[in-house]
PDB file of N, CA and C in Angstrom:
ATOM      1  N   MET A   1      29.005 -31.865  22.505  1.00  0.00           N
ATOM      2  CA  MET A   1      28.185 -31.595  23.659  1.00  0.00           C
ATOM      3  C   MET A   1      27.078 -30.629  23.247  1.00  0.00           C
ATOM      4  N   SER A   2      25.876 -30.928  23.645  1.00  0.00           N
ATOM      5  CA  SER A   2      24.707 -30.150  23.259  1.00  0.00           C
ATOM      6  C   SER A   2      24.534 -28.945  24.179  1.00  0.00           C
ATOM      7  N   HIS A   3      23.916 -27.901  23.625  1.00  0.00           N
ATOM      8  CA  HIS A   3      23.657 -26.716  24.431  1.00  0.00           C
ATOM      9  C   HIS A   3      22.558 -26.995  25.443  1.00  0.00           C
ATOM     10  N   SER A   4      22.558 -26.209  26.466  1.00  0.00           N
ATOM     11  CA  SER A   4      21.568 -26.331  27.515  1.00  0.00           C
ATOM     12  C   SER A   4      20.186 -25.959  26.968  1.00  0.00           C
ATOM     13  N   PHE A   5      19.180 -26.568  27.546  1.00  0.00           N
ATOM     14  CA  PHE A   5      17.802 -26.281  27.164  1.00  0.00           C
ATOM     15  C   PHE A   5      17.491 -24.805  27.373  1.00  0.00           C
ATOM     16  N   TYR A   6      17.991 -24.224  28.433  1.00  0.00           N
ATOM     17  CA  TYR A   6      17.719 -22.829  28.748  1.00  0.00           C
ATOM     18  C   TYR A   6      18.375 -21.879  27.737  1.00  0.00           C
ATOM     19  N   ILE A   7      19.549 -22.248  27.263  1.00  0.00           N
ATOM     20  CA  ILE A   7      20.216 -21.425  26.257  1.00  0.00           C
ATOM     21  C   ILE A   7      19.422 -21.477  24.951  1.00  0.00           C
ATOM     22  N   LYS A   8      18.958 -22.673  24.573  1.00  0.00           N
ATOM     23  CA  LYS A   8      18.149 -22.808  23.363  1.00  0.00           C
ATOM     24  C   LYS A   8      16.850 -22.010  23.488  1.00  0.00           C
ATOM     25  N   LEU A   9      16.217 -22.096  24.649  1.00  0.00           N
ATOM     26  CA  LEU A   9      14.970 -21.361  24.872  1.00  0.00           C
ATOM     27  C   LEU A   9      15.214 -19.847  24.826  1.00  0.00           C
ATOM     28  N   ALA A  10      16.295 -19.392  25.448  1.00  0.00           N
ATOM     29  CA  ALA A  10      16.623 -17.963  25.433  1.00  0.00           C
ATOM     30  C   ALA A  10      16.880 -17.488  24.007  1.00  0.00           C
ATOM     31  N   THR A  11      17.599 -18.291  23.227  1.00  0.00           N
ATOM     32  CA  THR A  11      17.868 -17.937  21.831  1.00  0.00           C
ATOM     33  C   THR A  11      16.576 -17.847  21.044  1.00  0.00           C
ATOM     34  N   LEU A  12      15.682 -18.797  21.246  1.00  0.00           N
ATOM     35  CA  LEU A  12      14.398 -18.802  20.557  1.00  0.00           C
ATOM     36  C   LEU A  12      13.573 -17.570  20.915  1.00  0.00           C
ATOM     37  N   LEU A  13      13.525 -17.234  22.191  1.00  0.00           N
ATOM     38  CA  LEU A  13      12.748 -16.076  22.624  1.00  0.00           C
ATOM     39  C   LEU A  13      13.343 -14.758  22.130  1.00  0.00           C
ATOM     40  N   ILE A  14      14.664 -14.663  22.103  1.00  0.00           N
ATOM     41  CA  ILE A  14      15.308 -13.448  21.605  1.00  0.00           C
ATOM     42  C   ILE A  14      15.025 -13.279  20.118  1.00  0.00           C
ATOM     43  N   ARG A  15      15.121 -14.370  19.348  1.00  0.00           N
ATOM     44  CA  ARG A  15      14.820 -14.281  17.912  1.00  0.00           C
ATOM     45  C   ARG A  15      13.367 -13.887  17.675  1.00  0.00           C
ATOM     46  N   ALA A  16      12.466 -14.455  18.467  1.00  0.00           N
ATOM     47  CA  ALA A  16      11.056 -14.108  18.323  1.00  0.00           C
ATOM     48  C   ALA A  16      10.826 -12.633  18.647  1.00  0.00           C
ATOM     49  N   ASP A  17      11.500 -12.130  19.669  1.00  0.00           N
ATOM     50  CA  ASP A  17      11.357 -10.719  20.023  1.00  0.00           C
ATOM     51  C   ASP A  17      11.909  -9.811  18.924  1.00  0.00           C
ATOM     52  N   LEU A  18      13.041 -10.191  18.334  1.00  0.00           N
ATOM     53  CA  LEU A  18      13.602  -9.402  17.239  1.00  0.00           C
ATOM     54  C   LEU A  18      12.675  -9.397  16.026  1.00  0.00           C
ATOM     55  N   ARG A  19      12.062 -10.544  15.718  1.00  0.00           N
ATOM     56  CA  ARG A  19      11.113 -10.599  14.597  1.00  0.00           C
ATOM     57  C   ARG A  19       9.894  -9.734  14.878  1.00  0.00           C
ATOM     58  N   ARG A  20       9.410  -9.752  16.122  1.00  0.00           N
ATOM     59  CA  ARG A  20       8.256  -8.926  16.494  1.00  0.00           C
ATOM     60  C   ARG A  20       8.587  -7.448  16.352  1.00  0.00           C
ATOM     61  N   GLU A  21       9.761  -7.030  16.830  1.00  0.00           N
ATOM     62  CA  GLU A  21      10.168  -5.634  16.697  1.00  0.00           C
ATOM     63  C   GLU A  21      10.306  -5.237  15.230  1.00  0.00           C
ATOM     64  N   GLU A  22      10.840  -6.128  14.411  1.00  0.00           N
ATOM     65  CA  GLU A  22      10.986  -5.843  12.981  1.00  0.00           C
ATOM     66  C   GLU A  22       9.623  -5.673  12.313  1.00  0.00           C
ATOM     67  N   ARG A  23       8.663  -6.534  12.665  1.00  0.00           N
ATOM     68  CA  ARG A  23       7.311  -6.416  12.098  1.00  0.00           C
ATOM     69  C   ARG A  23       6.650  -5.117  12.532  1.00  0.00           C
ATOM     70  N   GLU A  24       6.797  -4.735  13.787  1.00  0.00           N
ATOM     71  CA  GLU A  24       6.216  -3.477  14.266  1.00  0.00           C
ATOM     72  C   GLU A  24       6.844  -2.283  13.552  1.00  0.00           C
ATOM     73  N   TRP A  25       8.164  -2.317  13.363  1.00  0.00           N
ATOM     74  CA  TRP A  25       8.843  -1.226  12.675  1.00  0.00           C
ATOM     75  C   TRP A  25       8.352  -1.119  11.229  1.00  0.00           C
ATOM     76  N   LYS A  26       8.260  -2.254  10.534  1.00  0.00           N
ATOM     77  CA  LYS A  26       7.774  -2.235   9.148  1.00  0.00           C
ATOM     78  C   LYS A  26       6.338  -1.736   9.072  1.00  0.00           C
ATOM     79  N   ARG A  27       5.504  -2.128  10.024  1.00  0.00           N
ATOM     80  CA  ARG A  27       4.111  -1.673  10.047  1.00  0.00           C
ATOM     81  C   ARG A  27       4.051  -0.159  10.223  1.00  0.00           C
ATOM     82  N   LYS A  28       4.889   0.360  11.111  1.00  0.00           N
ATOM     83  CA  LYS A  28       4.895   1.796  11.356  1.00  0.00           C
ATOM     84  C   LYS A  28       5.376   2.556  10.113  1.00  0.00           C
ATOM     85  N   ILE A  29       6.404   2.052   9.455  1.00  0.00           N
ATOM     86  CA  ILE A  29       6.918   2.685   8.236  1.00  0.00           C
ATOM     87  C   ILE A  29       5.870   2.636   7.138  1.00  0.00           C
ATOM     88  N   ARG A  30       5.190   1.498   6.977  1.00  0.00           N
ATOM     89  CA  ARG A  30       4.164   1.362   5.949  1.00  0.00           C
ATOM     90  C   ARG A  30       3.013   2.342   6.202  1.00  0.00           C
ATOM     91  N   ARG A  31       2.613   2.499   7.447  1.00  0.00           N
ATOM     92  CA  ARG A  31       1.525   3.432   7.763  1.00  0.00           C
ATOM     93  C   ARG A  31       1.954   4.874   7.530  1.00  0.00           C
ATOM     94  N   SER A  32       3.178   5.218   7.887  1.00  0.00           N
ATOM     95  CA  SER A  32       3.621   6.603   7.718  1.00  0.00           C
ATOM     96  C   SER A  32       3.769   6.957   6.245  1.00  0.00           C
ATOM     97  N   ARG A  33       3.934   5.969   5.388  1.00  0.00           N
ATOM     98  CA  ARG A  33       4.043   6.229   3.958  1.00  0.00           C
ATOM     99  C   ARG A  33       2.750   6.814   3.414  1.00  0.00           C
ATOM    100  N   TYR A  34       1.616   6.421   3.995  1.00  0.00           N
ATOM    101  CA  TYR A  34       0.323   6.890   3.524  1.00  0.00           C
ATOM    102  C   TYR A  34      -0.300   7.934   4.441  1.00  0.00           C
ATOM    103  N   ASP A  35       0.455   8.419   5.393  1.00  0.00           N
ATOM    104  CA  ASP A  35      -0.042   9.439   6.309  1.00  0.00           C
ATOM    105  C   ASP A  35       0.122  10.795   5.640  1.00  0.00           C
ATOM    106  N   LEU A  36      -0.982  11.342   5.138  1.00  0.00           N
ATOM    107  CA  LEU A  36      -0.929  12.593   4.386  1.00  0.00           C
ATOM    108  C   LEU A  36      -0.961  13.794   5.330  1.00  0.00           C
ATOM    109  N   PRO A  37      -0.285  14.880   4.951  1.00  0.00           N
ATOM    110  CA  PRO A  37      -0.248  16.084   5.792  1.00  0.00           C
ATOM    111  C   PRO A  37      -1.507  16.926   5.604  1.00  0.00           C
ATOM    112  N   TRP A  38      -2.640  16.474   6.143  1.00  0.00           N
ATOM    113  CA  TRP A  38      -3.910  17.165   5.928  1.00  0.00           C
ATOM    114  C   TRP A  38      -3.933  18.565   6.525  1.00  0.00           C
ATOM    115  N   HIS A  39      -3.073  18.845   7.474  1.00  0.00           N
ATOM    116  CA  HIS A  39      -3.058  20.151   8.132  1.00  0.00           C
ATOM    117  C   HIS A  39      -2.271  21.199   7.347  1.00  0.00           C
ATOM    118  N   ASN A  40      -1.558  20.798   6.285  1.00  0.00           N
ATOM    119  CA  ASN A  40      -0.704  21.717   5.546  1.00  0.00           C
ATOM    120  C   ASN A  40      -1.171  21.807   4.091  1.00  0.00           C
ATOM    121  N   ALA A  41      -1.810  22.913   3.733  1.00  0.00           N
ATOM    122  CA  ALA A  41      -2.361  23.085   2.378  1.00  0.00           C
ATOM    123  C   ALA A  41      -1.261  23.133   1.326  1.00  0.00           C
ATOM    124  N   HIS A  42      -0.094  23.680   1.668  1.00  0.00           N
ATOM    125  CA  HIS A  42       0.993  23.788   0.695  1.00  0.00           C
ATOM    126  C   HIS A  42       1.530  22.407   0.318  1.00  0.00           C
ATOM    127  N   LEU A  43       1.707  21.523   1.298  1.00  0.00           N
ATOM    128  CA  LEU A  43       2.184  20.176   0.991  1.00  0.00           C
ATOM    129  C   LEU A  43       1.139  19.391   0.201  1.00  0.00           C
ATOM    130  N   LEU A  44      -0.135  19.584   0.537  1.00  0.00           N
ATOM    131  CA  LEU A  44      -1.190  18.915  -0.225  1.00  0.00           C
ATOM    132  C   LEU A  44      -1.168  19.371  -1.681  1.00  0.00           C
ATOM    133  N   LYS A  45      -0.954  20.657  -1.886  1.00  0.00           N
ATOM    134  CA  LYS A  45      -0.893  21.186  -3.258  1.00  0.00           C
ATOM    135  C   LYS A  45       0.312  20.601  -3.992  1.00  0.00           C
ATOM    136  N   ASP A  46       1.421  20.414  -3.291  1.00  0.00           N
ATOM    137  CA  ASP A  46       2.615  19.835  -3.911  1.00  0.00           C
ATOM    138  C   ASP A  46       2.377  18.409  -4.390  1.00  0.00           C
ATOM    139  N   ILE A  47       1.587  17.642  -3.662  1.00  0.00           N
ATOM    140  CA  ILE A  47       1.329  16.262  -4.083  1.00  0.00           C
ATOM    141  C   ILE A  47       0.085  16.161  -4.949  1.00  0.00           C
ATOM    142  N   GLY A  48      -0.552  17.301  -5.251  1.00  0.00           N
ATOM    143  CA  GLY A  48      -1.649  17.321  -6.206  1.00  0.00           C
ATOM    144  C   GLY A  48      -3.020  17.120  -5.612  1.00  0.00           C
ATOM    145  N   LEU A  49      -3.225  17.510  -4.356  1.00  0.00           N
ATOM    146  CA  LEU A  49      -4.535  17.357  -3.721  1.00  0.00           C
ATOM    147  C   LEU A  49      -5.051  18.702  -3.237  1.00  0.00           C
ATOM    148  N   GLN A  50      -6.368  18.840  -3.261  1.00  0.00           N
ATOM    149  CA  GLN A  50      -7.002  20.003  -2.665  1.00  0.00           C
ATOM    150  C   GLN A  50      -7.114  19.764  -1.160  1.00  0.00           C
ATOM    151  N   PRO A  51      -7.360  20.808  -0.369  1.00  0.00           N
ATOM    152  CA  PRO A  51      -7.455  20.614   1.090  1.00  0.00           C
ATOM    153  C   PRO A  51      -8.544  19.628   1.520  1.00  0.00           C
ATOM    154  N   ASP A  52      -9.569  19.416   0.690  1.00  0.00           N
ATOM    155  CA  ASP A  52     -10.600  18.444   1.068  1.00  0.00           C
ATOM    156  C   ASP A  52     -10.253  17.028   0.613  1.00  0.00           C
ATOM    157  N   GLY A  53      -9.109  16.832  -0.057  1.00  0.00           N
ATOM    158  CA  GLY A  53      -8.658  15.500  -0.428  1.00  0.00           C
ATOM    159  C   GLY A  53      -8.887  15.121  -1.873  1.00  0.00           C
ATOM    160  N   ARG A  54      -9.591  15.954  -2.625  1.00  0.00           N
ATOM    161  CA  ARG A  54      -9.832  15.646  -4.037  1.00  0.00           C
ATOM    162  C   ARG A  54      -8.622  16.029  -4.872  1.00  0.00           C
ATOM    163  N   PRO A  55      -8.379  15.317  -5.981  1.00  0.00           N
ATOM    164  CA  PRO A  55      -7.227  15.663  -6.828  1.00  0.00           C
ATOM    165  C   PRO A  55      -7.431  17.009  -7.522  1.00  0.00           C
ATOM    166  N   ILE A  56      -6.328  17.692  -7.773  1.00  0.00           N
ATOM    167  CA  ILE A  56      -6.370  18.973  -8.468  1.00  0.00           C
ATOM    168  C   ILE A  56      -6.410  18.697  -9.971  1.00  0.00           C
ATOM    169  N   GLY A  57      -7.410  19.245 -10.655  1.00  0.00           N
ATOM    170  CA  GLY A  57      -7.502  19.092 -12.104  1.00  0.00           C
ATOM    171  C   GLY A  57      -7.960  17.708 -12.527  1.00  0.00           C
ATOM    172  N   VAL A  58      -8.083  17.533 -13.846  1.00  0.00           N
ATOM    173  CA  VAL A  58      -8.498  16.255 -14.417  1.00  0.00           C
ATOM    174  C   VAL A  58      -7.273  15.619 -15.041  1.00  0.00           C
ATOM    175  N   SER A  59      -6.977  14.399 -14.647  1.00  0.00           N
ATOM    176  CA  SER A  59      -5.763  13.759 -15.140  1.00  0.00           C
ATOM    177  C   SER A  59      -5.969  13.097 -16.495  1.00  0.00           C
ATOM    178  N   VAL A  60      -7.176  12.601 -16.776  1.00  0.00           N
ATOM    179  CA  VAL A  60      -7.451  11.890 -18.020  1.00  0.00           C
ATOM    180  C   VAL A  60      -8.702  12.477 -18.648  1.00  0.00           C
ATOM    181  N   PRO A  61      -8.652  12.774 -19.972  1.00  0.00           N
ATOM    182  CA  PRO A  61      -9.866  13.265 -20.620  1.00  0.00           C
ATOM    183  C   PRO A  61     -10.970  12.211 -20.590  1.00  0.00           C
ATOM    184  N   ILE A  62     -12.214  12.667 -20.559  1.00  0.00           N
ATOM    185  CA  ILE A  62     -13.362  11.756 -20.458  1.00  0.00           C
ATOM    186  C   ILE A  62     -13.417  10.819 -21.657  1.00  0.00           C
ATOM    187  N   GLU A  63     -13.074  11.318 -22.860  1.00  0.00           N
ATOM    188  CA  GLU A  63     -13.120  10.479 -24.053  1.00  0.00           C
ATOM    189  C   GLU A  63     -12.138   9.313 -23.942  1.00  0.00           C
ATOM    190  N   ALA A  64     -10.932   9.590 -23.491  1.00  0.00           N
ATOM    191  CA  ALA A  64      -9.924   8.535 -23.347  1.00  0.00           C
ATOM    192  C   ALA A  64     -10.353   7.524 -22.290  1.00  0.00           C
ATOM    193  N   LYS A  65     -10.958   8.018 -21.236  1.00  0.00           N
ATOM    194  CA  LYS A  65     -11.415   7.129 -20.171  1.00  0.00           C
ATOM    195  C   LYS A  65     -12.533   6.223 -20.683  1.00  0.00           C
ATOM    196  N   ALA A  66     -13.451   6.778 -21.475  1.00  0.00           N
ATOM    197  CA  ALA A  66     -14.553   5.989 -22.022  1.00  0.00           C
ATOM    198  C   ALA A  66     -14.031   4.943 -23.001  1.00  0.00           C
ATOM    199  N   LYS A  67     -13.089   5.322 -23.875  1.00  0.00           N
ATOM    200  CA  LYS A  67     -12.514   4.368 -24.828  1.00  0.00           C
ATOM    201  C   LYS A  67     -11.822   3.217 -24.097  1.00  0.00           C
ATOM    202  N   ARG A  68     -11.081   3.546 -23.062  1.00  0.00           N
ATOM    203  CA  ARG A  68     -10.382   2.515 -22.297  1.00  0.00           C
ATOM    204  C   ARG A  68     -11.374   1.571 -21.633  1.00  0.00           C
ATOM    205  N   HIS A  69     -12.464   2.125 -21.118  1.00  0.00           N
ATOM    206  CA  HIS A  69     -13.484   1.320 -20.455  1.00  0.00           C
ATOM    207  C   HIS A  69     -14.157   0.374 -21.456  1.00  0.00           C
ATOM    208  N   VAL A  70     -14.499   0.878 -22.641  1.00  0.00           N
ATOM    209  CA  VAL A  70     -15.122   0.041 -23.672  1.00  0.00           C
ATOM    210  C   VAL A  70     -14.153  -1.053 -24.116  1.00  0.00           C
ATOM    211  N   ARG A  71     -12.884  -0.704 -24.307  1.00  0.00           N
ATOM    212  CA  ARG A  71     -11.884  -1.696 -24.711  1.00  0.00           C
ATOM    213  C   ARG A  71     -11.761  -2.800 -23.670  1.00  0.00           C
ATOM    214  N   HIS A  72     -11.801  -2.421 -22.419  1.00  0.00           N
ATOM    215  CA  HIS A  72     -11.719  -3.409 -21.339  1.00  0.00           C
ATOM    216  C   HIS A  72     -12.939  -4.333 -21.345  1.00  0.00           C
ATOM    217  N   ILE A  73     -14.123  -3.768 -21.518  1.00  0.00           N
ATOM    218  CA  ILE A  73     -15.348  -4.585 -21.545  1.00  0.00           C
ATOM    219  C   ILE A  73     -15.308  -5.553 -22.723  1.00  0.00           C
ATOM    220  N   ARG A  74     -14.882  -5.076 -23.910  1.00  0.00           N
ATOM    221  CA  ARG A  74     -14.782  -5.963 -25.079  1.00  0.00           C
ATOM    222  C   ARG A  74     -13.802  -7.097 -24.833  1.00  0.00           C
ATOM    223  N   ARG A  75     -12.676  -6.786 -24.214  1.00  0.00           N
ATOM    224  CA  ARG A  75     -11.680  -7.819 -23.945  1.00  0.00           C
ATOM    225  C   ARG A  75     -12.225  -8.859 -22.978  1.00  0.00           C
ATOM    226  N   VAL A  76     -12.908  -8.427 -21.945  1.00  0.00           N
ATOM    227  CA  VAL A  76     -13.462  -9.362 -20.966  1.00  0.00           C
ATOM    228  C   VAL A  76     -14.518 -10.246 -21.621  1.00  0.00           C
ATOM    229  N   LEU A  77     -15.380  -9.650 -22.443  1.00  0.00           N
ATOM    230  CA  LEU A  77     -16.421 -10.428 -23.088  1.00  0.00           C
ATOM    231  C   LEU A  77     -15.864 -11.392 -24.117  1.00  0.00           C
ATOM    232  N   SER A  78     -14.802 -11.017 -24.807  1.00  0.00           N
ATOM    233  CA  SER A  78     -14.215 -11.921 -25.810  1.00  0.00           C
ATOM    234  C   SER A  78     -13.456 -13.066 -25.176  1.00  0.00           C
ATOM    235  N   LEU A  79     -13.006 -12.892 -23.946  1.00  0.00           N
ATOM    236  CA  LEU A  79     -12.253 -13.951 -23.267  1.00  0.00           C
ATOM    237  C   LEU A  79     -13.151 -14.962 -22.567  1.00  0.00           C
ATOM    238  N   ARG A  80     -14.432 -14.662 -22.463  1.00  0.00           N
ATOM    239  CA  ARG A  80     -15.333 -15.607 -21.798  1.00  0.00           C
ATOM    240  C   ARG A  80     -15.500 -16.860 -22.629  1.00  0.00           C
ATOM    241  N   ILE A  81     -15.466 -17.973 -21.964  1.00  0.00           N
ATOM    242  CA  ILE A  81     -15.660 -19.255 -22.636  1.00  0.00           C
ATOM    243  C   ILE A  81     -17.139 -19.617 -22.522  1.00  0.00           C
ATOM    244  N   PRO A  82     -17.828 -19.742 -23.654  1.00  0.00           N
ATOM    245  CA  PRO A  82     -19.258 -20.090 -23.570  1.00  0.00           C
ATOM    246  C   PRO A  82     -19.440 -21.511 -23.036  1.00  0.00           C
ATOM    247  N   THR A  83     -20.279 -21.641 -22.040  1.00  0.00           N
ATOM    248  CA  THR A  83     -20.505 -22.965 -21.453  1.00  0.00           C
ATOM    249  C   THR A  83     -21.965 -23.339 -21.557  1.00  0.00           C
TER     250      THR A  83
END
């Protein structure tokens, strides 16, 4: 014996509502992951930021950054197929 149309519809709507709530919860969690404590200078210092949002100190020397950039450009140019 088959289930009633109304029971099937209710099941479908409940599942859709649960999926919607799950998506909203995940969206809220994802946003809070990147919500920085701009009002607290101590927490910003702990994560390595100045109060204006810039990183504290230099993470990579300029020479290493330039070498990496040149290496990347050479690799891209060598991979191009001449047409």
